[in-house]
Structure formats: C-alpha cells, structure tokens
C-alpha cells in the first residue's frame, strides 16, 4: 500500500480549511496520520486498489509548483473524493469491475487520467464551492461502468466550463418547477428582461441551452434569452449525466441563500420539490422527464 508524501500531507491539511463538514475534516486528519486512521473500507481491500491509484496520482501532483491557495483546493478535492468513495461503499455501491482501474499500454489507468484531470481543474478553479461536486463526479464515475473514459473526460471538461451558478440552475431545472401562468411569456411581453441580475441568470441559462444540457420540452428553438420559457425546460443528454453524477440536486438546494436569490429574481414559486433530496436522479423516457430515488 502506497504512503502519502510530505507535500501531499500538507495539501490535505491545508484543504481541510475549506471543507465544511466534520466528517470530511476527520477523514483529512486520518489520512495525514496514516492509513490505519482511515475508514475500514480503505484497509480491507474494498477500496484499497483505488486508494493506491488516487494516492499515486496525488503524490505526483503534489510535486507541481502551486500557490498556497491552489494547494488548498487540490487537498480539499482529494479529501472530499475519498469521503464520497467511502459513502458509496457504505451505501452498497460497488466499484466498477471493468478495466477502468487497470493500466494501459502506457502503464496508466483510465482512473488515474481522470483523477489528474479533476485535480488540474480544481487547482485552477476560483469558485471553490464547485469542488465538492467534482468530488462527487469522480467518485460516482468510479462506480458506474456505463461511463467510458471518453465520456468521463468530456464531463470533466464540461464541468470546468460551467459556473457555480449554472450548476445550481441545472439542479433547479432537473428537479422541476412551476412558474406563475403570467410569467410564461413575461420576457417576450416586456421585450427586455428587467434588471441586470435577471439578465445575467437568463444568459447563464442560454449558455446551458447552447451547450446542449437543457432544451425546450416542445423543441422550440432558443436563440435568445428572451425566448427561454423556464417552466417548459428540461435537462437532456450529457446534462443528465452531469446532473446525476455530481448529485447537484441533492446538495445545491441546501445552498439556500444562493438559491433563494435566484428564485426571487426569476419569480419562481411553488416548486414541486420532494422532501427527501438525498437520492434524486433524472430519468429520461421518450419526451417525459421525471425524477426518481437513486437507490430504486
């Protein structure tokens, strides 16, 4: 079993400063103190192999020139990913059994490539609230054999291109919402969107349309932000994967201050949101969009 080098330990310690949960902070402390202080799954074989690969990638990454803040972000991602892997294990989610963790002709596994990509993204990421969603993405890809290395790489690049607010908007659209009837055509009736805050949010939504992550349910072409009918919008394609693998719905609705401001600006009311958001996945069936419990 590989050991964590000194620079990596420092990154983990620094990263614990921006980790919000006590469980993550405890895990960070355990990793720094040695493998014996980590959860049982990392010791008994269930997560030993992936831990070795992740640690190998982390040790190598720690040798790069990074600012203090970059070190904090990389360390936080490392800890949060380990925590999510352990949570998946405790939820009876098995690691994939294909060749995702096996070395290729260059003696490097697909997981190591994807993990390095995630670390690079978070090193440069200035919106630090995105880091926990990247951790969810990497951990969940590690448990889903339907996600090829190519799709995983695409998801990481896509994740990097989205703002934190766009991730929240993706989650809001994913759960579904009901707008007042007179708001259905409000932007078109007014010809302009009132207020730079509203305009900014609609521009973020328009970018999600252009990226092919959301679309109008009736297949109306959206080329301008005033054409967006939010109550007639759904998550599609690669957006569904990004939504489900980041578990953006489960977490983002707890970001009450940010979400409430957007709801107010968009005049969104009467959200049809389940009481338990801990296991929400989007299910696509023909033209119907529903949500279901992730464990069903």
C-alpha atoms as a PDB file:
ATOM      1  CA  UNK A   1       0.000   0.000   0.000  1.00  0.00           C
ATOM      2  CA  UNK A   2       1.359   3.385  -1.027  1.00  0.00           C
ATOM      3  CA  UNK A   3       2.176   6.068   1.505  1.00  0.00           C
ATOM      4  CA  UNK A   4       1.402   9.758   1.341  1.00  0.00           C
ATOM      5  CA  UNK A   5       4.418  12.002   0.842  1.00  0.00           C
ATOM      6  CA  UNK A   6       5.067  15.094   2.926  1.00  0.00           C
ATOM      7  CA  UNK A   7       3.839  17.576   0.316  1.00  0.00           C
ATOM      8  CA  UNK A   8       0.625  15.629  -0.107  1.00  0.00           C
ATOM      9  CA  UNK A   9       0.044  15.625   3.645  1.00  0.00           C
ATOM     10  CA  UNK A  10       0.469  19.385   3.672  1.00  0.00           C
ATOM     11  CA  UNK A  11      -2.072  19.756   0.859  1.00  0.00           C
ATOM     12  CA  UNK A  12      -4.586  17.605   2.733  1.00  0.00           C
ATOM     13  CA  UNK A  13      -4.068  19.631   5.907  1.00  0.00           C
ATOM     14  CA  UNK A  14      -4.439  22.912   4.036  1.00  0.00           C
ATOM     15  CA  UNK A  15      -7.508  21.642   2.193  1.00  0.00           C
ATOM     16  CA  UNK A  16      -9.311  20.860   5.430  1.00  0.00           C
ATOM     17  CA  UNK A  17      -9.664  24.620   5.978  1.00  0.00           C
ATOM     18  CA  UNK A  18     -12.366  24.925   3.304  1.00  0.00           C
ATOM     19  CA  UNK A  19     -14.123  21.623   3.984  1.00  0.00           C
ATOM     20  CA  UNK A  20     -17.445  22.349   5.622  1.00  0.00           C
ATOM     21  CA  UNK A  21     -18.405  19.007   7.183  1.00  0.00           C
ATOM     22  CA  UNK A  22     -16.943  17.475  10.306  1.00  0.00           C
ATOM     23  CA  UNK A  23     -16.788  14.046   8.677  1.00  0.00           C
ATOM     24  CA  UNK A  24     -14.560  15.343   5.882  1.00  0.00           C
ATOM     25  CA  UNK A  25     -12.293  17.157   8.316  1.00  0.00           C
ATOM     26  CA  UNK A  26     -11.932  13.979  10.389  1.00  0.00           C
ATOM     27  CA  UNK A  27     -11.098  11.989   7.270  1.00  0.00           C
ATOM     28  CA  UNK A  28      -8.462  14.555   6.296  1.00  0.00           C
ATOM     29  CA  UNK A  29      -6.878  14.233   9.726  1.00  0.00           C
ATOM     30  CA  UNK A  30      -6.939  10.450   9.434  1.00  0.00           C
ATOM     31  CA  UNK A  31      -5.263  10.485   6.018  1.00  0.00           C
ATOM     32  CA  UNK A  32      -2.457  12.681   7.297  1.00  0.00           C
ATOM     33  CA  UNK A  33      -1.934  10.471  10.355  1.00  0.00           C
ATOM     34  CA  UNK A  34      -1.676   7.305   8.272  1.00  0.00           C
ATOM     35  CA  UNK A  35      -3.766   4.623   6.597  1.00  0.00           C
ATOM     36  CA  UNK A  36      -4.527   2.975   9.941  1.00  0.00           C
ATOM     37  CA  UNK A  37      -6.612   6.007  10.866  1.00  0.00           C
ATOM     38  CA  UNK A  38      -8.785   5.814   7.747  1.00  0.00           C
ATOM     39  CA  UNK A  39     -12.175   4.084   7.281  1.00  0.00           C
ATOM     40  CA  UNK A  40     -12.144   0.297   7.207  1.00  0.00           C
ATOM     41  CA  UNK A  41     -13.028   0.132   3.506  1.00  0.00           C
ATOM     42  CA  UNK A  42      -9.633   1.586   2.609  1.00  0.00           C
ATOM     43  CA  UNK A  43      -7.918  -1.071   4.718  1.00  0.00           C
ATOM     44  CA  UNK A  44      -9.761  -4.298   3.924  1.00  0.00           C
ATOM     45  CA  UNK A  45      -9.472  -4.368   0.155  1.00  0.00           C
ATOM     46  CA  UNK A  46     -12.795  -2.900  -0.974  1.00  0.00           C
ATOM     47  CA  UNK A  47     -11.247   0.498  -1.704  1.00  0.00           C
ATOM     48  CA  UNK A  48      -7.561  -0.328  -1.312  1.00  0.00           C
ATOM     49  CA  UNK A  49      -6.770  -0.505  -5.028  1.00  0.00           C
ATOM     50  CA  UNK A  50      -8.489   2.759  -5.956  1.00  0.00           C
ATOM     51  CA  UNK A  51      -6.894   4.434  -2.945  1.00  0.00           C
ATOM     52  CA  UNK A  52      -3.441   3.365  -4.123  1.00  0.00           C
ATOM     53  CA  UNK A  53      -4.136   4.767  -7.597  1.00  0.00           C
ATOM     54  CA  UNK A  54      -5.550   8.002  -6.236  1.00  0.00           C
ATOM     55  CA  UNK A  55      -2.669   8.405  -3.811  1.00  0.00           C
ATOM     56  CA  UNK A  56      -0.153   7.740  -6.588  1.00  0.00           C
ATOM     57  CA  UNK A  57      -1.777  10.486  -8.659  1.00  0.00           C
ATOM     58  CA  UNK A  58      -1.932  12.832  -5.677  1.00  0.00           C
ATOM     59  CA  UNK A  59       1.699  12.287  -4.698  1.00  0.00           C
ATOM     60  CA  UNK A  60       2.793  13.027  -8.247  1.00  0.00           C
ATOM     61  CA  UNK A  61       0.544  16.086  -8.432  1.00  0.00           C
ATOM     62  CA  UNK A  62       1.917  17.452  -5.168  1.00  0.00           C
ATOM     63  CA  UNK A  63       5.338  17.830  -6.813  1.00  0.00           C
ATOM     64  CA  UNK A  64       3.998  20.550  -9.096  1.00  0.00           C
ATOM     65  CA  UNK A  65       4.520  24.228  -8.429  1.00  0.00           C
ATOM     66  CA  UNK A  66       1.339  25.507  -6.797  1.00  0.00           C
ATOM     67  CA  UNK A  67       0.357  28.572  -4.871  1.00  0.00           C
ATOM     68  CA  UNK A  68      -0.852  28.164  -1.297  1.00  0.00           C
ATOM     69  CA  UNK A  69      -4.478  28.543  -2.344  1.00  0.00           C
ATOM     70  CA  UNK A  70      -4.114  26.078  -5.204  1.00  0.00           C
ATOM     71  CA  UNK A  71      -2.732  23.576  -2.703  1.00  0.00           C
ATOM     72  CA  UNK A  72      -5.787  24.156  -0.506  1.00  0.00           C
ATOM     73  CA  UNK A  73      -8.190  23.409  -3.360  1.00  0.00           C
ATOM     74  CA  UNK A  74      -6.358  20.281  -4.514  1.00  0.00           C
ATOM     75  CA  UNK A  75      -6.193  18.967  -0.955  1.00  0.00           C
ATOM     76  CA  UNK A  76      -9.904  19.603  -0.473  1.00  0.00           C
ATOM     77  CA  UNK A  77     -10.780  17.690  -3.649  1.00  0.00           C
ATOM     78  CA  UNK A  78      -8.637  14.764  -2.558  1.00  0.00           C
ATOM     79  CA  UNK A  79     -10.347  14.529   0.831  1.00  0.00           C
ATOM     80  CA  UNK A  80     -13.884  15.044  -0.479  1.00  0.00           C
ATOM     81  CA  UNK A  81     -13.399  12.389  -3.171  1.00  0.00           C
ATOM     82  CA  UNK A  82     -12.142   9.884  -0.600  1.00  0.00           C
ATOM     83  CA  UNK A  83     -15.128  10.683   1.590  1.00  0.00           C
ATOM     84  CA  UNK A  84     -17.588  10.192  -1.275  1.00  0.00           C
ATOM     85  CA  UNK A  85     -15.959   6.891  -2.224  1.00  0.00           C
ATOM     86  CA  UNK A  86     -16.434   5.716   1.350  1.00  0.00           C
ATOM     87  CA  UNK A  87     -20.059   6.925   1.360  1.00  0.00           C
ATOM     88  CA  UNK A  88     -20.706   4.999  -1.852  1.00  0.00           C
ATOM     89  CA  UNK A  89     -19.189   1.892  -0.282  1.00  0.00           C
ATOM     90  CA  UNK A  90     -21.367   2.273   2.806  1.00  0.00           C
ATOM     91  CA  UNK A  91     -24.404   2.692   0.524  1.00  0.00           C
ATOM     92  CA  UNK A  92     -23.627  -0.689  -1.088  1.00  0.00           C
ATOM     93  CA  UNK A  93     -22.381   0.875  -4.315  1.00  0.00           C
ATOM     94  CA  UNK A  94     -19.637  -1.284  -5.761  1.00  0.00           C
ATOM     95  CA  UNK A  95     -16.605  -0.075  -7.649  1.00  0.00           C
ATOM     96  CA  UNK A  96     -16.695  -0.834 -11.340  1.00  0.00           C
ATOM     97  CA  UNK A  97     -15.207  -4.190 -12.349  1.00  0.00           C
ATOM     98  CA  UNK A  98     -14.168  -3.361 -15.911  1.00  0.00           C
ATOM     99  CA  UNK A  99     -10.656  -2.254 -16.888  1.00  0.00           C
ATOM    100  CA  UNK A 100     -11.119   1.335 -15.671  1.00  0.00           C
ATOM    101  CA  UNK A 101      -8.576   0.841 -12.883  1.00  0.00           C
ATOM    102  CA  UNK A 102      -6.175  -1.334 -14.884  1.00  0.00           C
ATOM    103  CA  UNK A 103      -3.007   0.070 -16.512  1.00  0.00           C
ATOM    104  CA  UNK A 104      -2.984   0.625 -20.267  1.00  0.00           C
ATOM    105  CA  UNK A 105      -0.045   0.317 -22.644  1.00  0.00           C
ATOM    106  CA  UNK A 106       1.450   3.402 -21.030  1.00  0.00           C
ATOM    107  CA  UNK A 107       1.199   1.816 -17.573  1.00  0.00           C
ATOM    108  CA  UNK A 108      -1.505   4.239 -16.540  1.00  0.00           C
ATOM    109  CA  UNK A 109      -5.150   3.512 -15.776  1.00  0.00           C
ATOM    110  CA  UNK A 110      -8.155   5.454 -17.020  1.00  0.00           C
ATOM    111  CA  UNK A 111      -8.922   6.360 -13.419  1.00  0.00           C
ATOM    112  CA  UNK A 112      -5.504   7.977 -12.990  1.00  0.00           C
ATOM    113  CA  UNK A 113      -6.010  10.079 -16.121  1.00  0.00           C
ATOM    114  CA  UNK A 114      -9.455  11.208 -14.997  1.00  0.00           C
ATOM    115  CA  UNK A 115      -8.253  11.902 -11.448  1.00  0.00           C
ATOM    116  CA  UNK A 116      -5.383  14.026 -12.748  1.00  0.00           C
ATOM    117  CA  UNK A 117      -7.811  15.973 -14.920  1.00  0.00           C
ATOM    118  CA  UNK A 118     -10.046  16.626 -11.919  1.00  0.00           C
ATOM    119  CA  UNK A 119      -7.110  17.783  -9.800  1.00  0.00           C
ATOM    120  CA  UNK A 120      -5.978  20.146 -12.567  1.00  0.00           C
ATOM    121  CA  UNK A 121      -9.463  21.640 -12.883  1.00  0.00           C
ATOM    122  CA  UNK A 122      -9.800  22.225  -9.151  1.00  0.00           C
ATOM    123  CA  UNK A 123      -6.291  23.667  -8.903  1.00  0.00           C
ATOM    124  CA  UNK A 124      -7.411  26.449 -11.264  1.00  0.00           C
ATOM    125  CA  UNK A 125     -10.996  26.735 -10.029  1.00  0.00           C
ATOM    126  CA  UNK A 126     -11.747  30.061  -8.349  1.00  0.00           C
ATOM    127  CA  UNK A 127     -15.353  29.136  -7.458  1.00  0.00           C
ATOM    128  CA  UNK A 128     -14.416  26.832  -4.616  1.00  0.00           C
ATOM    129  CA  UNK A 129     -17.977  25.676  -3.926  1.00  0.00           C
ATOM    130  CA  UNK A 130     -17.716  23.626  -7.127  1.00  0.00           C
ATOM    131  CA  UNK A 131     -15.052  21.365  -5.630  1.00  0.00           C
ATOM    132  CA  UNK A 132     -17.444  19.101  -3.720  1.00  0.00           C
ATOM    133  CA  UNK A 133     -19.387  18.450  -6.933  1.00  0.00           C
ATOM    134  CA  UNK A 134     -16.203  17.453  -8.742  1.00  0.00           C
ATOM    135  CA  UNK A 135     -15.514  15.047  -5.880  1.00  0.00           C
ATOM    136  CA  UNK A 136     -18.976  13.529  -6.347  1.00  0.00           C
ATOM    137  CA  UNK A 137     -18.355  13.264 -10.087  1.00  0.00           C
ATOM    138  CA  UNK A 138     -15.066  11.366  -9.748  1.00  0.00           C
ATOM    139  CA  UNK A 139     -16.330   9.045  -7.012  1.00  0.00           C
ATOM    140  CA  UNK A 140     -19.543   8.217  -8.880  1.00  0.00           C
ATOM    141  CA  UNK A 141     -17.769   7.639 -12.198  1.00  0.00           C
ATOM    142  CA  UNK A 142     -15.662   5.102 -10.293  1.00  0.00           C
ATOM    143  CA  UNK A 143     -18.853   3.168  -9.535  1.00  0.00           C
ATOM    144  CA  UNK A 144     -20.526   3.362 -12.955  1.00  0.00           C
ATOM    145  CA  UNK A 145     -19.327   1.104 -15.766  1.00  0.00           C
ATOM    146  CA  UNK A 146     -21.574   2.856 -18.302  1.00  0.00           C
ATOM    147  CA  UNK A 147     -19.268   5.886 -18.187  1.00  0.00           C
ATOM    148  CA  UNK A 148     -16.338   5.349 -20.536  1.00  0.00           C
ATOM    149  CA  UNK A 149     -13.044   7.175 -20.169  1.00  0.00           C
ATOM    150  CA  UNK A 150     -14.006   9.381 -23.110  1.00  0.00           C
ATOM    151  CA  UNK A 151     -17.338  10.355 -21.559  1.00  0.00           C
ATOM    152  CA  UNK A 152     -15.648  10.925 -18.202  1.00  0.00           C
ATOM    153  CA  UNK A 153     -13.152  13.280 -19.848  1.00  0.00           C
ATOM    154  CA  UNK A 154     -15.992  15.108 -21.566  1.00  0.00           C
ATOM    155  CA  UNK A 155     -17.823  15.507 -18.266  1.00  0.00           C
ATOM    156  CA  UNK A 156     -14.743  16.971 -16.589  1.00  0.00           C
ATOM    157  CA  UNK A 157     -14.219  19.477 -19.410  1.00  0.00           C
ATOM    158  CA  UNK A 158     -17.887  20.388 -19.317  1.00  0.00           C
ATOM    159  CA  UNK A 159     -17.833  20.757 -15.549  1.00  0.00           C
ATOM    160  CA  UNK A 160     -14.877  23.113 -15.814  1.00  0.00           C
ATOM    161  CA  UNK A 161     -16.710  25.303 -18.330  1.00  0.00           C
ATOM    162  CA  UNK A 162     -19.772  25.824 -16.112  1.00  0.00           C
ATOM    163  CA  UNK A 163     -20.071  28.422 -13.400  1.00  0.00           C
ATOM    164  CA  UNK A 164     -21.199  27.506  -9.910  1.00  0.00           C
ATOM    165  CA  UNK A 165     -24.498  29.241 -10.589  1.00  0.00           C
ATOM    166  CA  UNK A 166     -25.005  27.229 -13.778  1.00  0.00           C
ATOM    167  CA  UNK A 167     -24.592  24.030 -11.785  1.00  0.00           C
ATOM    168  CA  UNK A 168     -27.265  25.265  -9.391  1.00  0.00           C
ATOM    169  CA  UNK A 169     -29.540  26.166 -12.296  1.00  0.00           C
ATOM    170  CA  UNK A 170     -29.023  22.702 -13.781  1.00  0.00           C
ATOM    171  CA  UNK A 171     -30.144  21.233 -10.478  1.00  0.00           C
ATOM    172  CA  UNK A 172     -33.164  23.516 -10.299  1.00  0.00           C
ATOM    173  CA  UNK A 173     -34.278  22.594 -13.821  1.00  0.00           C
ATOM    174  CA  UNK A 174     -33.586  18.936 -13.036  1.00  0.00           C
ATOM    175  CA  UNK A 175     -35.961  18.853 -10.096  1.00  0.00           C
ATOM    176  CA  UNK A 176     -38.590  20.843 -11.972  1.00  0.00           C
ATOM    177  CA  UNK A 177     -40.506  23.925 -11.015  1.00  0.00           C
ATOM    178  CA  UNK A 178     -43.792  25.715 -11.608  1.00  0.00           C
ATOM    179  CA  UNK A 179     -43.921  29.355 -12.584  1.00  0.00           C
ATOM    180  CA  UNK A 180     -46.915  31.694 -12.387  1.00  0.00           C
ATOM    181  CA  UNK A 181     -49.019  31.490 -15.558  1.00  0.00           C
ATOM    182  CA  UNK A 182     -48.412  35.113 -16.451  1.00  0.00           C
ATOM    183  CA  UNK A 183     -44.667  34.574 -16.199  1.00  0.00           C
ATOM    184  CA  UNK A 184     -44.697  32.070 -19.028  1.00  0.00           C
ATOM    185  CA  UNK A 185     -44.294  34.805 -21.628  1.00  0.00           C
ATOM    186  CA  UNK A 186     -43.094  37.587 -19.376  1.00  0.00           C
ATOM    187  CA  UNK A 187     -39.711  38.165 -21.059  1.00  0.00           C
ATOM    188  CA  UNK A 188     -41.280  38.262 -24.526  1.00  0.00           C
ATOM    189  CA  UNK A 189     -44.108  40.582 -23.476  1.00  0.00           C
ATOM    190  CA  UNK A 190     -41.709  43.031 -21.897  1.00  0.00           C
ATOM    191  CA  UNK A 191     -39.256  42.683 -24.796  1.00  0.00           C
ATOM    192  CA  UNK A 192     -36.419  43.162 -22.342  1.00  0.00           C
ATOM    193  CA  UNK A 193     -35.551  41.499 -19.060  1.00  0.00           C
ATOM    194  CA  UNK A 194     -35.706  43.846 -16.105  1.00  0.00           C
ATOM    195  CA  UNK A 195     -32.556  44.204 -14.085  1.00  0.00           C
ATOM    196  CA  UNK A 196     -29.027  43.089 -14.748  1.00  0.00           C
ATOM    197  CA  UNK A 197     -29.370  40.283 -12.187  1.00  0.00           C
ATOM    198  CA  UNK A 198     -32.227  38.678 -14.104  1.00  0.00           C
ATOM    199  CA  UNK A 199     -30.480  39.232 -17.423  1.00  0.00           C
ATOM    200  CA  UNK A 200     -27.344  37.607 -16.042  1.00  0.00           C
ATOM    201  CA  UNK A 201     -29.220  34.496 -14.915  1.00  0.00           C
ATOM    202  CA  UNK A 202     -31.001  34.151 -18.247  1.00  0.00           C
ATOM    203  CA  UNK A 203     -27.662  34.459 -20.046  1.00  0.00           C
ATOM    204  CA  UNK A 204     -26.384  31.595 -17.898  1.00  0.00           C
ATOM    205  CA  UNK A 205     -29.462  29.576 -18.873  1.00  0.00           C
ATOM    206  CA  UNK A 206     -28.978  30.432 -22.544  1.00  0.00           C
ATOM    207  CA  UNK A 207     -25.428  29.092 -22.342  1.00  0.00           C
ATOM    208  CA  UNK A 208     -26.815  25.826 -20.925  1.00  0.00           C
ATOM    209  CA  UNK A 209     -29.113  25.654 -23.976  1.00  0.00           C
ATOM    210  CA  UNK A 210     -26.187  26.268 -26.325  1.00  0.00           C
ATOM    211  CA  UNK A 211     -24.124  23.570 -24.619  1.00  0.00           C
ATOM    212  CA  UNK A 212     -26.935  21.063 -25.191  1.00  0.00           C
ATOM    213  CA  UNK A 213     -27.548  20.469 -21.489  1.00  0.00           C
ATOM    214  CA  UNK A 214     -31.144  21.723 -21.389  1.00  0.00           C
ATOM    215  CA  UNK A 215     -33.816  22.279 -24.018  1.00  0.00           C
ATOM    216  CA  UNK A 216     -37.379  23.397 -24.512  1.00  0.00           C
ATOM    217  CA  UNK A 217     -39.774  20.488 -23.946  1.00  0.00           C
ATOM    218  CA  UNK A 218     -41.701  21.365 -27.119  1.00  0.00           C
ATOM    219  CA  UNK A 219     -38.447  21.537 -29.103  1.00  0.00           C
ATOM    220  CA  UNK A 220     -38.827  25.266 -29.688  1.00  0.00           C
ATOM    221  CA  UNK A 221     -35.546  26.730 -30.877  1.00  0.00           C
ATOM    222  CA  UNK A 222     -33.992  29.061 -28.327  1.00  0.00           C
ATOM    223  CA  UNK A 223     -31.524  31.548 -29.771  1.00  0.00           C
ATOM    224  CA  UNK A 224     -32.095  34.466 -27.415  1.00  0.00           C
ATOM    225  CA  UNK A 225     -32.541  34.738 -23.668  1.00  0.00           C
ATOM    226  CA  UNK A 226     -35.990  36.317 -24.109  1.00  0.00           C
ATOM    227  CA  UNK A 227     -37.175  33.067 -25.740  1.00  0.00           C
ATOM    228  CA  UNK A 228     -36.479  30.975 -22.645  1.00  0.00           C
ATOM    229  CA  UNK A 229     -39.597  29.528 -21.045  1.00  0.00           C
ATOM    230  CA  UNK A 230     -38.226  28.189 -17.793  1.00  0.00           C
ATOM    231  CA  UNK A 231     -41.351  26.225 -16.877  1.00  0.00           C
ATOM    232  CA  UNK A 232     -41.070  24.386 -20.203  1.00  0.00           C
ATOM    233  CA  UNK A 233     -37.391  23.457 -19.904  1.00  0.00           C
ATOM    234  CA  UNK A 234     -35.774  20.104 -19.138  1.00  0.00           C
ATOM    235  CA  UNK A 235     -32.320  18.625 -18.723  1.00  0.00           C
ATOM    236  CA  UNK A 236     -31.165  16.480 -21.648  1.00  0.00           C
ATOM    237  CA  UNK A 237     -28.274  14.423 -22.977  1.00  0.00           C
ATOM    238  CA  UNK A 238     -24.918  14.808 -21.288  1.00  0.00           C
ATOM    239  CA  UNK A 239     -26.618  17.254 -18.924  1.00  0.00           C
ATOM    240  CA  UNK A 240     -28.486  14.324 -17.384  1.00  0.00           C
ATOM    241  CA  UNK A 241     -25.212  12.533 -16.683  1.00  0.00           C
ATOM    242  CA  UNK A 242     -23.635  15.647 -15.214  1.00  0.00           C
ATOM    243  CA  UNK A 243     -26.704  16.282 -13.052  1.00  0.00           C
ATOM    244  CA  UNK A 244     -26.844  12.740 -11.703  1.00  0.00           C
ATOM    245  CA  UNK A 245     -23.135  12.068 -11.222  1.00  0.00           C
ATOM    246  CA  UNK A 246     -22.434  15.354  -9.455  1.00  0.00           C
ATOM    247  CA  UNK A 247     -25.574  14.854  -7.348  1.00  0.00           C
ATOM    248  CA  UNK A 248     -26.152  18.545  -7.817  1.00  0.00           C
ATOM    249  CA  UNK A 249     -29.812  18.368  -6.799  1.00  0.00           C
ATOM    250  CA  UNK A 250     -29.079  16.629  -3.520  1.00  0.00           C
ATOM    251  CA  UNK A 251     -26.658  19.305  -2.383  1.00  0.00           C
ATOM    252  CA  UNK A 252     -27.453  22.557  -4.112  1.00  0.00           C
ATOM    253  CA  UNK A 253     -30.887  23.104  -2.637  1.00  0.00           C
ATOM    254  CA  UNK A 254     -29.173  23.435   0.714  1.00  0.00           C
ATOM    255  CA  UNK A 255     -27.374  26.466  -0.668  1.00  0.00           C
ATOM    256  CA  UNK A 256     -30.403  28.418   0.497  1.00  0.00           C
ATOM    257  CA  UNK A 257     -29.022  31.922   0.211  1.00  0.00           C
ATOM    258  CA  UNK A 258     -27.937  31.497  -3.397  1.00  0.00           C
ATOM    259  CA  UNK A 259     -30.982  29.518  -4.494  1.00  0.00           C
ATOM    260  CA  UNK A 260     -33.460  31.838  -2.778  1.00  0.00           C
ATOM    261  CA  UNK A 261     -31.968  34.841  -4.525  1.00  0.00           C
ATOM    262  CA  UNK A 262     -32.344  33.148  -7.902  1.00  0.00           C
ATOM    263  CA  UNK A 263     -35.907  32.066  -7.129  1.00  0.00           C
ATOM    264  CA  UNK A 264     -36.794  35.620  -6.219  1.00  0.00           C
ATOM    265  CA  UNK A 265     -35.154  37.086  -9.299  1.00  0.00           C
ATOM    266  CA  UNK A 266     -36.848  34.580 -11.598  1.00  0.00           C
ATOM    267  CA  UNK A 267     -40.150  34.820  -9.720  1.00  0.00           C
ATOM    268  CA  UNK A 268     -40.171  31.059  -9.325  1.00  0.00           C
ATOM    269  CA  UNK A 269     -42.904  29.835  -6.991  1.00  0.00           C
ATOM    270  CA  UNK A 270     -44.498  26.570  -5.842  1.00  0.00           C
ATOM    271  CA  UNK A 271     -41.525  24.325  -6.511  1.00  0.00           C
ATOM    272  CA  UNK A 272     -42.538  20.695  -6.716  1.00  0.00           C
ATOM    273  CA  UNK A 273     -39.523  19.507  -4.732  1.00  0.00           C
ATOM    274  CA  UNK A 274     -39.519  16.155  -2.882  1.00  0.00           C
ATOM    275  CA  UNK A 275     -38.979  16.313   0.859  1.00  0.00           C
ATOM    276  CA  UNK A 276     -36.025  13.936   0.625  1.00  0.00           C
ATOM    277  CA  UNK A 277     -33.460  15.194  -1.879  1.00  0.00           C
ATOM    278  CA  UNK A 278     -30.700  12.805  -0.863  1.00  0.00           C
ATOM    279  CA  UNK A 279     -31.225  10.354  -3.729  1.00  0.00           C
ATOM    280  CA  UNK A 280     -32.580  12.156  -6.772  1.00  0.00           C
ATOM    281  CA  UNK A 281     -31.780  11.067 -10.320  1.00  0.00           C
ATOM    282  CA  UNK A 282     -33.219  12.309 -13.588  1.00  0.00           C
ATOM    283  CA  UNK A 283     -34.877   9.644 -15.722  1.00  0.00           C
ATOM    284  CA  UNK A 284     -35.438  10.233 -19.421  1.00  0.00           C
ATOM    285  CA  UNK A 285     -38.164   8.260 -21.180  1.00  0.00           C
ATOM    286  CA  UNK A 286     -39.120   9.461 -24.661  1.00  0.00           C
ATOM    287  CA  UNK A 287     -40.269  13.046 -24.108  1.00  0.00           C
ATOM    288  CA  UNK A 288     -41.076  12.669 -20.428  1.00  0.00           C
ATOM    289  CA  UNK A 289     -38.775  13.869 -17.690  1.00  0.00           C
ATOM    290  CA  UNK A 290     -39.201  12.512 -14.186  1.00  0.00           C
ATOM    291  CA  UNK A 291     -37.173  12.219 -11.027  1.00  0.00           C
ATOM    292  CA  UNK A 292     -36.714   9.085  -9.022  1.00  0.00           C
ATOM    293  CA  UNK A 293     -34.927   7.784  -5.976  1.00  0.00           C
ATOM    294  CA  UNK A 294     -31.346   6.955  -6.883  1.00  0.00           C
ATOM    295  CA  UNK A 295     -31.499   3.696  -4.924  1.00  0.00           C
ATOM    296  CA  UNK A 296     -34.612   2.327  -6.677  1.00  0.00           C
END
